[in-house]
Amino acid sequence: MKNRFFLIILTVLLAAALSGCGPSDEKLMEAETAKGLLLEAKETAENTYLDISDTSKRAALDELALKVSEIEALDFTRMNDKKIDEVLPTISEITNSYQDIQSGLSDTLEAETQIRQEADKHAEIEAYFVNKTGMNISGIVLHDIAKDITSDSFLGNGVILQSGYTLMGVALDIYKDSSSWELIVTDDAGTDYSFACDDLKGKELKGAAIVLTYDKETGAGSAEISAQSGQ
């Protein structure tokens, strides 16, 4: 009887000793779940960061990554419930920091995506104007007829493109899905003229000339694309 009682006491003491060496199943699962959420938040934020051009969050992400490394080095199976409870708030804090950064990165990604999508709608054409109108020109703007959008003048304030002269370094910003344009030319007396423009879409204009001519008898102006030499 005494031996049986002693065996029961020994079993209880051994169970207590074992329970003090490791966590309960519930606490271990709670810790592993928290670490999983942390690693997921880290991966999401770092992947979003790779998709944007803004690098202002790099230092913050690096600092958090060091803290994550410390968490990953922990062996929860060798910790008791009390020790795990001491670590869980830190894991939650790091996770929240990643989620806060991710929120800002998502906003940046959305803004940059919209900018890229808008940029993809445009094409920039490098060319130059040749003034063969017989008039001195004080302003030249590109009017997208389809979208009813007018550019700024390619001539600076107070600049006059005299007849027979050339304006180099012109960059025309056009919408790729547009189909019709005109140039609005202003002479040095302030009078505007509409110049029919060749189709700008799908043409290789880099370094080519846009020749401006004007027929005084008909009052018609035109902007014709002159192919590059060697084309």
Protein backbone atom coordinates (compact mmCIF):
# COMPACT_ATOMS: atom_id res chain seq x y z
CA MET A 1 0.00 0.00 0.00
CA LYS A 2 2.79 2.36 0.92
CA ASN A 3 4.64 1.49 -2.28
CA ARG A 4 1.51 2.22 -4.31
CA PHE A 5 1.04 5.58 -2.61
CA PHE A 6 4.68 6.45 -3.19
CA LEU A 7 4.33 5.57 -6.88
CA ILE A 8 1.31 7.88 -7.21
CA ILE A 9 3.21 10.76 -5.54
CA LEU A 10 6.21 10.16 -7.79
CA THR A 11 4.00 10.19 -10.89
CA VAL A 12 2.43 13.49 -9.85
CA LEU A 13 5.81 15.07 -9.14
CA LEU A 14 7.21 13.86 -12.46
CA ALA A 15 4.22 15.26 -14.34
CA ALA A 16 4.68 18.57 -12.56
CA ALA A 17 8.36 18.61 -13.40
CA LEU A 18 7.69 17.86 -17.04
CA SER A 19 5.02 20.54 -17.24
CA GLY A 20 7.52 23.06 -15.92
CA CYS A 21 10.04 22.23 -18.68
CA GLY A 22 7.82 23.00 -21.67
CA PRO A 23 4.66 24.81 -22.72
CA SER A 24 1.15 23.50 -22.81
CA ASP A 25 -0.15 22.46 -26.22
CA GLU A 26 -2.52 25.43 -26.26
CA LYS A 27 0.20 27.94 -25.46
CA LEU A 28 2.58 26.42 -27.98
CA MET A 29 -0.07 26.69 -30.68
CA GLU A 30 -0.76 30.30 -29.69
CA ALA A 31 2.94 31.13 -29.98
CA GLU A 32 3.37 29.39 -33.33
CA THR A 33 0.25 31.10 -34.70
CA ALA A 34 1.53 34.50 -33.59
CA LYS A 35 4.90 33.84 -35.21
CA GLY A 36 3.17 32.73 -38.42
CA LEU A 37 1.17 35.96 -38.57
CA LEU A 38 4.35 37.92 -37.97
CA LEU A 39 6.21 36.21 -40.81
CA GLU A 40 3.21 36.70 -43.11
CA ALA A 41 3.09 40.43 -42.30
CA LYS A 42 6.84 40.69 -42.91
CA GLU A 43 6.62 38.95 -46.30
CA THR A 44 3.66 41.06 -47.41
CA ALA A 45 5.36 44.36 -46.51
CA GLU A 46 8.69 43.41 -48.06
CA ASN A 47 7.06 42.18 -51.28
CA THR A 48 5.05 45.40 -51.58
CA TYR A 49 8.22 47.40 -50.97
CA LEU A 50 9.86 45.67 -53.95
CA ASP A 51 6.99 46.83 -56.19
CA ILE A 52 7.44 50.55 -55.50
CA SER A 53 10.15 53.10 -56.22
CA ASP A 54 9.87 54.94 -52.88
CA THR A 55 12.76 53.76 -50.66
CA SER A 56 11.92 55.78 -47.53
CA LYS A 57 10.79 52.68 -45.57
CA ARG A 58 13.96 50.64 -46.16
CA ALA A 59 15.56 51.48 -42.81
CA ALA A 60 12.38 50.69 -40.88
CA LEU A 61 12.00 47.34 -42.64
CA ASP A 62 15.63 46.44 -41.94
CA GLU A 63 15.20 47.25 -38.26
CA LEU A 64 12.07 45.11 -38.01
CA ALA A 65 13.79 42.27 -39.86
CA LEU A 66 16.45 42.12 -37.13
CA LYS A 67 13.75 41.81 -34.50
CA VAL A 68 12.08 39.04 -36.49
CA SER A 69 15.36 37.15 -36.61
CA GLU A 70 15.44 37.20 -32.82
CA ILE A 71 11.90 35.83 -32.67
CA GLU A 72 12.70 33.09 -35.19
CA ALA A 73 15.67 32.04 -33.05
CA LEU A 74 13.36 31.27 -30.12
CA ASP A 75 12.46 27.62 -29.47
CA PHE A 76 8.98 27.74 -28.01
CA THR A 77 9.11 24.06 -27.14
CA ARG A 78 11.79 24.84 -24.55
CA MET A 79 9.81 27.68 -22.97
CA ASN A 80 7.07 27.42 -20.37
CA ASP A 81 3.74 29.18 -20.65
CA LYS A 82 4.90 32.14 -18.57
CA LYS A 83 7.92 32.78 -20.80
CA ILE A 84 5.77 32.57 -23.92
CA ASP A 85 3.31 35.06 -22.43
CA GLU A 86 6.23 37.44 -21.93
CA VAL A 87 7.21 37.14 -25.62
CA LEU A 88 3.77 37.30 -27.23
CA PRO A 89 3.28 41.09 -26.77
CA THR A 90 6.60 41.72 -28.53
CA ILE A 91 5.56 39.52 -31.44
CA SER A 92 2.24 41.36 -31.64
CA GLU A 93 3.99 44.74 -31.54
CA ILE A 94 6.33 43.83 -34.41
CA THR A 95 3.41 42.44 -36.42
CA ASN A 96 1.46 45.68 -35.92
CA SER A 97 4.50 47.68 -37.03
CA TYR A 98 4.68 45.68 -40.26
CA GLN A 99 0.95 46.15 -40.85
CA ASP A 100 1.27 49.91 -40.33
CA ILE A 101 4.13 50.08 -42.82
CA GLN A 102 2.19 47.87 -45.24
CA SER A 103 -0.74 50.29 -45.13
CA GLY A 104 1.51 53.15 -46.21
CA LEU A 105 3.27 51.02 -48.82
CA SER A 106 -0.10 49.99 -50.28
CA ASP A 107 -1.10 53.64 -50.66
CA THR A 108 2.23 54.37 -52.36
CA LEU A 109 1.85 51.36 -54.66
CA GLU A 110 -1.64 52.46 -55.67
CA ALA A 111 -0.46 56.00 -56.42
CA GLU A 112 2.57 54.81 -58.39
CA THR A 113 0.44 52.30 -60.30
CA GLN A 114 -1.94 55.05 -61.36
CA ILE A 115 1.00 57.18 -62.50
CA ARG A 116 2.46 54.28 -64.50
CA GLN A 117 -0.90 53.47 -66.06
CA GLU A 118 -1.34 57.09 -67.10
CA ALA A 119 2.22 57.23 -68.43
CA ASP A 120 1.56 54.10 -70.50
CA LYS A 121 -1.20 56.00 -72.30
CA HIS A 122 1.31 58.59 -73.52
CA ALA A 123 4.14 58.69 -76.02
CA GLU A 124 6.77 61.39 -76.24
CA ILE A 125 7.90 62.39 -79.71
CA GLU A 126 11.16 64.25 -80.20
CA ALA A 127 11.24 66.42 -83.31
CA TYR A 128 11.78 70.02 -84.41
CA PHE A 129 9.75 72.74 -86.11
CA VAL A 130 10.75 74.40 -89.36
CA ASN A 131 9.00 77.73 -89.94
CA LYS A 132 8.18 78.10 -93.63
CA THR A 133 4.98 80.08 -93.07
CA GLY A 134 6.28 83.46 -94.16
CA MET A 135 5.29 84.86 -90.77
CA ASN A 136 7.06 85.32 -87.46
CA ILE A 137 5.61 82.96 -84.86
CA SER A 138 5.18 83.78 -81.17
CA GLY A 139 3.39 80.60 -80.11
CA ILE A 140 2.89 76.97 -81.15
CA VAL A 141 0.63 74.59 -79.22
CA LEU A 142 -0.49 71.06 -79.98
CA HIS A 143 -4.25 70.49 -79.84
CA ASP A 144 -5.44 66.91 -79.43
CA ILE A 145 -8.73 67.17 -81.29
CA ALA A 146 -10.08 63.81 -80.14
CA LYS A 147 -9.55 64.55 -76.44
CA ASP A 148 -9.77 68.35 -76.75
CA ILE A 149 -6.51 68.81 -74.84
CA THR A 150 -4.09 71.62 -75.60
CA SER A 151 -0.41 71.61 -74.70
CA ASP A 152 1.63 74.50 -73.41
CA SER A 153 3.35 76.59 -76.05
CA PHE A 154 6.59 75.13 -77.38
CA LEU A 155 7.94 78.67 -77.53
CA GLY A 156 8.90 80.35 -74.28
CA ASN A 157 7.50 83.72 -73.26
CA GLY A 158 8.82 86.46 -75.47
CA VAL A 159 10.45 84.00 -77.89
CA ILE A 160 9.81 84.57 -81.59
CA LEU A 161 10.40 81.89 -84.23
CA GLN A 162 11.14 83.97 -87.28
CA SER A 163 10.19 82.86 -90.76
CA GLY A 164 12.78 80.52 -92.20
CA TYR A 165 14.14 79.55 -88.79
CA THR A 166 14.06 76.23 -86.92
CA LEU A 167 13.04 75.39 -83.37
CA MET A 168 15.04 72.43 -82.10
CA GLY A 169 14.49 70.20 -79.07
CA VAL A 170 10.70 69.89 -79.33
CA ALA A 171 9.05 67.11 -77.31
CA LEU A 172 5.42 66.38 -78.20
CA ASP A 173 3.43 64.50 -75.56
CA ILE A 174 0.62 62.60 -77.26
CA TYR A 175 -2.02 60.09 -76.19
CA LYS A 176 -1.41 56.77 -77.93
CA ASP A 177 -5.11 56.20 -78.59
CA SER A 178 -5.71 59.62 -80.14
CA SER A 179 -6.19 59.90 -83.89
CA SER A 180 -6.29 63.56 -84.84
CA TRP A 181 -4.30 66.67 -83.97
CA GLU A 182 -3.76 70.22 -85.07
CA LEU A 183 -1.17 72.85 -84.28
CA ILE A 184 -2.43 76.25 -83.22
CA VAL A 185 0.11 78.79 -84.42
CA THR A 186 0.15 82.38 -83.18
CA ASP A 187 1.90 85.09 -85.17
CA ASP A 188 3.76 88.01 -83.64
CA ALA A 189 0.60 90.15 -83.92
CA GLY A 190 -1.30 87.73 -81.67
CA THR A 191 -3.45 86.15 -84.38
CA ASP A 192 -4.12 82.39 -84.08
CA TYR A 193 -4.11 80.00 -87.03
CA SER A 194 -5.12 76.35 -87.19
CA PHE A 195 -2.56 74.15 -88.92
CA ALA A 196 -3.71 70.70 -90.00
CA CYS A 197 -1.25 68.18 -88.61
CA ASP A 198 -0.12 64.86 -90.05
CA ASP A 199 -1.06 61.77 -88.09
CA LEU A 200 1.41 61.54 -85.22
CA LYS A 201 0.54 58.03 -84.13
CA GLY A 202 2.74 55.14 -85.14
CA LYS A 203 5.35 57.29 -86.81
CA GLU A 204 9.08 57.33 -86.13
CA LEU A 205 9.58 61.04 -85.53
CA LYS A 206 12.72 61.14 -83.44
CA GLY A 207 14.94 63.75 -85.02
CA ALA A 208 12.45 64.43 -87.83
CA ALA A 209 11.16 67.84 -88.85
CA ILE A 210 7.62 69.16 -88.59
CA VAL A 211 7.47 71.68 -91.41
CA LEU A 212 5.03 74.55 -90.93
CA THR A 213 3.63 76.12 -94.12
CA TYR A 214 0.88 78.67 -94.70
CA ASP A 215 -1.04 79.55 -97.86
CA LYS A 216 -2.09 83.22 -97.68
CA GLU A 217 -4.54 82.85 -100.57
CA THR A 218 -6.55 80.03 -99.00
CA GLY A 219 -5.73 80.84 -95.36
CA ALA A 220 -4.80 77.19 -94.82
CA GLY A 221 -1.88 76.15 -92.68
CA SER A 222 -0.32 72.70 -92.49
CA ALA A 223 2.21 70.88 -90.35
CA GLU A 224 3.83 68.16 -92.42
CA ILE A 225 6.25 65.56 -91.10
CA SER A 226 9.49 65.44 -93.01
CA ALA A 227 11.15 62.02 -92.81
CA GLN A 228 14.58 61.81 -91.25
CA SER A 229 17.48 61.69 -93.62
CA GLY A 230 18.43 58.10 -94.37
CA GLN A 231 14.90 56.76 -93.75
